[in-house]
Amino acid sequence: MGFEVPASCTLPTAQHPVRVAELGALFATASRTERVGDRHLRVSFPAHHGLDSQVRELIERESECCSFFDFAVSTPGGQVVLDVRVPAARVDVLDGLAQLSNGGPR
């Protein structure tokens, strides 16, 4: 089972595989993934030039089509940290993102 795009996503269907691939490529570079709570995932990335802006640009686009996400990006200690929160009804989507950052389904 891979990442499933929620039915409420307004991204055109033909673009779903491209977005999932973008998220997968980014999340595959994570140095740490932590489930802070049922509805909160924290993904840490090693700092490298341009990563902060790459993460911010991707989550901005993702927020446009899946407005239920609550994203926050910070850069403590030189790394890039992405906090993702979802409402209780979207925990399955958070589970999918966690799978992407762990290299696939568990």
C-alpha atoms as a PDB file:
ATOM      1  CA  MET A   1       0.000   0.000   0.000  1.00  0.00           C
ATOM      2  CA  GLY A   2       1.475   3.326  -1.045  1.00  0.00           C
ATOM      3  CA  PHE A   3       0.556   6.904  -0.359  1.00  0.00           C
ATOM      4  CA  GLU A   4      -3.061   7.588  -1.307  1.00  0.00           C
ATOM      5  CA  VAL A   5      -4.168  11.050  -2.316  1.00  0.00           C
ATOM      6  CA  PRO A   6      -7.264  12.068  -0.340  1.00  0.00           C
ATOM      7  CA  ALA A   7     -10.506  12.500  -2.289  1.00  0.00           C
ATOM      8  CA  SER A   8     -10.770  16.093  -1.000  1.00  0.00           C
ATOM      9  CA  CYS A   9      -7.557  17.083  -2.797  1.00  0.00           C
ATOM     10  CA  THR A  10      -8.235  19.677  -5.504  1.00  0.00           C
ATOM     11  CA  LEU A  11      -5.048  18.947  -7.452  1.00  0.00           C
ATOM     12  CA  PRO A  12      -5.989  17.669 -10.929  1.00  0.00           C
ATOM     13  CA  THR A  13      -5.937  13.867 -10.925  1.00  0.00           C
ATOM     14  CA  ALA A  14      -3.306  13.702 -13.659  1.00  0.00           C
ATOM     15  CA  GLN A  15      -0.902  15.616 -11.397  1.00  0.00           C
ATOM     16  CA  HIS A  16      -1.331  13.319  -8.355  1.00  0.00           C
ATOM     17  CA  PRO A  17       1.516  10.925  -9.308  1.00  0.00           C
ATOM     18  CA  VAL A  18       3.863  13.843  -9.910  1.00  0.00           C
ATOM     19  CA  ARG A  19       3.103  15.399  -6.513  1.00  0.00           C
ATOM     20  CA  VAL A  20       3.415  12.076  -4.705  1.00  0.00           C
ATOM     21  CA  ALA A  21       6.785  11.569  -6.420  1.00  0.00           C
ATOM     22  CA  GLU A  22       7.906  15.068  -5.345  1.00  0.00           C
ATOM     23  CA  LEU A  23       6.892  14.417  -1.756  1.00  0.00           C
ATOM     24  CA  GLY A  24       8.492  10.972  -1.856  1.00  0.00           C
ATOM     25  CA  ALA A  25      11.778  12.333  -3.210  1.00  0.00           C
ATOM     26  CA  LEU A  26      11.889  15.028  -0.547  1.00  0.00           C
ATOM     27  CA  PHE A  27      10.861  12.779   2.328  1.00  0.00           C
ATOM     28  CA  ALA A  28      13.367  10.106   1.274  1.00  0.00           C
ATOM     29  CA  THR A  29      16.130  12.558   2.232  1.00  0.00           C
ATOM     30  CA  ALA A  30      14.829  12.906   5.798  1.00  0.00           C
ATOM     31  CA  SER A  31      17.336  12.264   8.527  1.00  0.00           C
ATOM     32  CA  ARG A  32      14.620  11.640  11.120  1.00  0.00           C
ATOM     33  CA  THR A  33      10.882  11.138  11.216  1.00  0.00           C
ATOM     34  CA  GLU A  34       9.065  11.402  14.510  1.00  0.00           C
ATOM     35  CA  ARG A  35       5.390  10.868  15.251  1.00  0.00           C
ATOM     36  CA  VAL A  36       4.881  13.592  17.846  1.00  0.00           C
ATOM     37  CA  GLY A  37       1.216  12.696  18.265  1.00  0.00           C
ATOM     38  CA  ASP A  38      -1.607  10.951  16.446  1.00  0.00           C
ATOM     39  CA  ARG A  39      -2.152  14.011  14.269  1.00  0.00           C
ATOM     40  CA  HIS A  40       1.391  15.444  14.233  1.00  0.00           C
ATOM     41  CA  LEU A  41       4.420  14.303  12.245  1.00  0.00           C
ATOM     42  CA  ARG A  42       7.859  15.934  12.471  1.00  0.00           C
ATOM     43  CA  VAL A  43      10.302  15.356   9.634  1.00  0.00           C
ATOM     44  CA  SER A  44      13.897  16.571   9.964  1.00  0.00           C
ATOM     45  CA  PHE A  45      16.251  17.035   7.050  1.00  0.00           C
ATOM     46  CA  PRO A  46      19.987  17.655   7.029  1.00  0.00           C
ATOM     47  CA  ALA A  47      20.663  21.204   5.933  1.00  0.00           C
ATOM     48  CA  HIS A  48      21.914  21.814   2.458  1.00  0.00           C
ATOM     49  CA  HIS A  49      21.814  24.836   0.207  1.00  0.00           C
ATOM     50  CA  GLY A  50      18.310  25.606  -0.982  1.00  0.00           C
ATOM     51  CA  LEU A  51      16.501  22.882   0.976  1.00  0.00           C
ATOM     52  CA  ASP A  52      14.610  25.345   3.169  1.00  0.00           C
ATOM     53  CA  SER A  53      13.152  27.133   0.149  1.00  0.00           C
ATOM     54  CA  GLN A  54      12.459  23.812  -1.608  1.00  0.00           C
ATOM     55  CA  VAL A  55      10.462  22.552   1.392  1.00  0.00           C
ATOM     56  CA  ARG A  56       8.577  25.838   1.747  1.00  0.00           C
ATOM     57  CA  GLU A  57       7.695  25.945  -1.953  1.00  0.00           C
ATOM     58  CA  LEU A  58       6.419  22.366  -1.967  1.00  0.00           C
ATOM     59  CA  ILE A  59       4.293  22.763   1.158  1.00  0.00           C
ATOM     60  CA  GLU A  60       2.865  26.010  -0.202  1.00  0.00           C
ATOM     61  CA  ARG A  61       1.694  24.153  -3.310  1.00  0.00           C
ATOM     62  CA  GLU A  62       0.416  21.266  -1.199  1.00  0.00           C
ATOM     63  CA  SER A  63      -1.531  23.653   1.045  1.00  0.00           C
ATOM     64  CA  GLU A  64      -3.302  25.046  -2.024  1.00  0.00           C
ATOM     65  CA  CYS A  65      -4.848  21.683  -2.943  1.00  0.00           C
ATOM     66  CA  CYS A  66      -5.142  20.026   0.488  1.00  0.00           C
ATOM     67  CA  SER A  67      -6.181  22.814   2.817  1.00  0.00           C
ATOM     68  CA  PHE A  68      -6.580  20.474   5.804  1.00  0.00           C
ATOM     69  CA  PHE A  69      -2.791  20.340   6.297  1.00  0.00           C
ATOM     70  CA  ASP A  70      -1.160  22.577   8.880  1.00  0.00           C
ATOM     71  CA  PHE A  71       2.509  22.895   7.937  1.00  0.00           C
ATOM     72  CA  ALA A  72       5.300  24.673   9.804  1.00  0.00           C
ATOM     73  CA  VAL A  73       8.944  24.897   8.761  1.00  0.00           C
ATOM     74  CA  SER A  74      11.781  25.813  11.103  1.00  0.00           C
ATOM     75  CA  THR A  75      15.555  25.738  10.846  1.00  0.00           C
ATOM     76  CA  PRO A  76      16.974  24.935  14.294  1.00  0.00           C
ATOM     77  CA  GLY A  77      20.676  24.206  14.447  1.00  0.00           C
ATOM     78  CA  GLY A  78      21.065  24.456  10.694  1.00  0.00           C
ATOM     79  CA  GLN A  79      18.709  21.602   9.869  1.00  0.00           C
ATOM     80  CA  VAL A  80      15.283  21.948   8.240  1.00  0.00           C
ATOM     81  CA  VAL A  81      12.344  20.696  10.311  1.00  0.00           C
ATOM     82  CA  LEU A  82       8.890  20.224   8.842  1.00  0.00           C
ATOM     83  CA  ASP A  83       5.986  19.832  11.244  1.00  0.00           C
ATOM     84  CA  VAL A  84       2.802  18.480   9.687  1.00  0.00           C
ATOM     85  CA  ARG A  85      -0.501  18.452  11.528  1.00  0.00           C
ATOM     86  CA  VAL A  86      -3.864  17.176  10.320  1.00  0.00           C
ATOM     87  CA  PRO A  87      -7.385  16.992  11.725  1.00  0.00           C
ATOM     88  CA  ALA A  88      -8.501  13.663  13.190  1.00  0.00           C
ATOM     89  CA  ALA A  89     -10.383  12.802   9.989  1.00  0.00           C
ATOM     90  CA  ARG A  90      -7.115  12.939   7.994  1.00  0.00           C
ATOM     91  CA  VAL A  91      -4.810  10.801  10.138  1.00  0.00           C
ATOM     92  CA  ASP A  92      -4.646   8.303   7.260  1.00  0.00           C
ATOM     93  CA  VAL A  93      -2.980  10.946   5.092  1.00  0.00           C
ATOM     94  CA  LEU A  94      -0.434  11.629   7.828  1.00  0.00           C
ATOM     95  CA  ASP A  95       0.230   7.881   7.993  1.00  0.00           C
ATOM     96  CA  GLY A  96       0.935   7.965   4.248  1.00  0.00           C
ATOM     97  CA  LEU A  97       3.398  10.819   4.628  1.00  0.00           C
ATOM     98  CA  ALA A  98       5.150   8.920   7.416  1.00  0.00           C
ATOM     99  CA  GLN A  99       5.476   5.956   5.049  1.00  0.00           C
ATOM    100  CA  LEU A 100       7.055   8.197   2.406  1.00  0.00           C
ATOM    101  CA  SER A 101       9.666   9.415   4.865  1.00  0.00           C
ATOM    102  CA  ASN A 102      10.442   5.865   5.930  1.00  0.00           C
ATOM    103  CA  GLY A 103      10.991   4.656   2.386  1.00  0.00           C
ATOM    104  CA  GLY A 104       7.598   3.048   1.879  1.00  0.00           C
ATOM    105  CA  PRO A 105       4.990   1.044   3.740  1.00  0.00           C
ATOM    106  CA  ARG A 106       5.957  -0.517   7.031  1.00  0.00           C
END
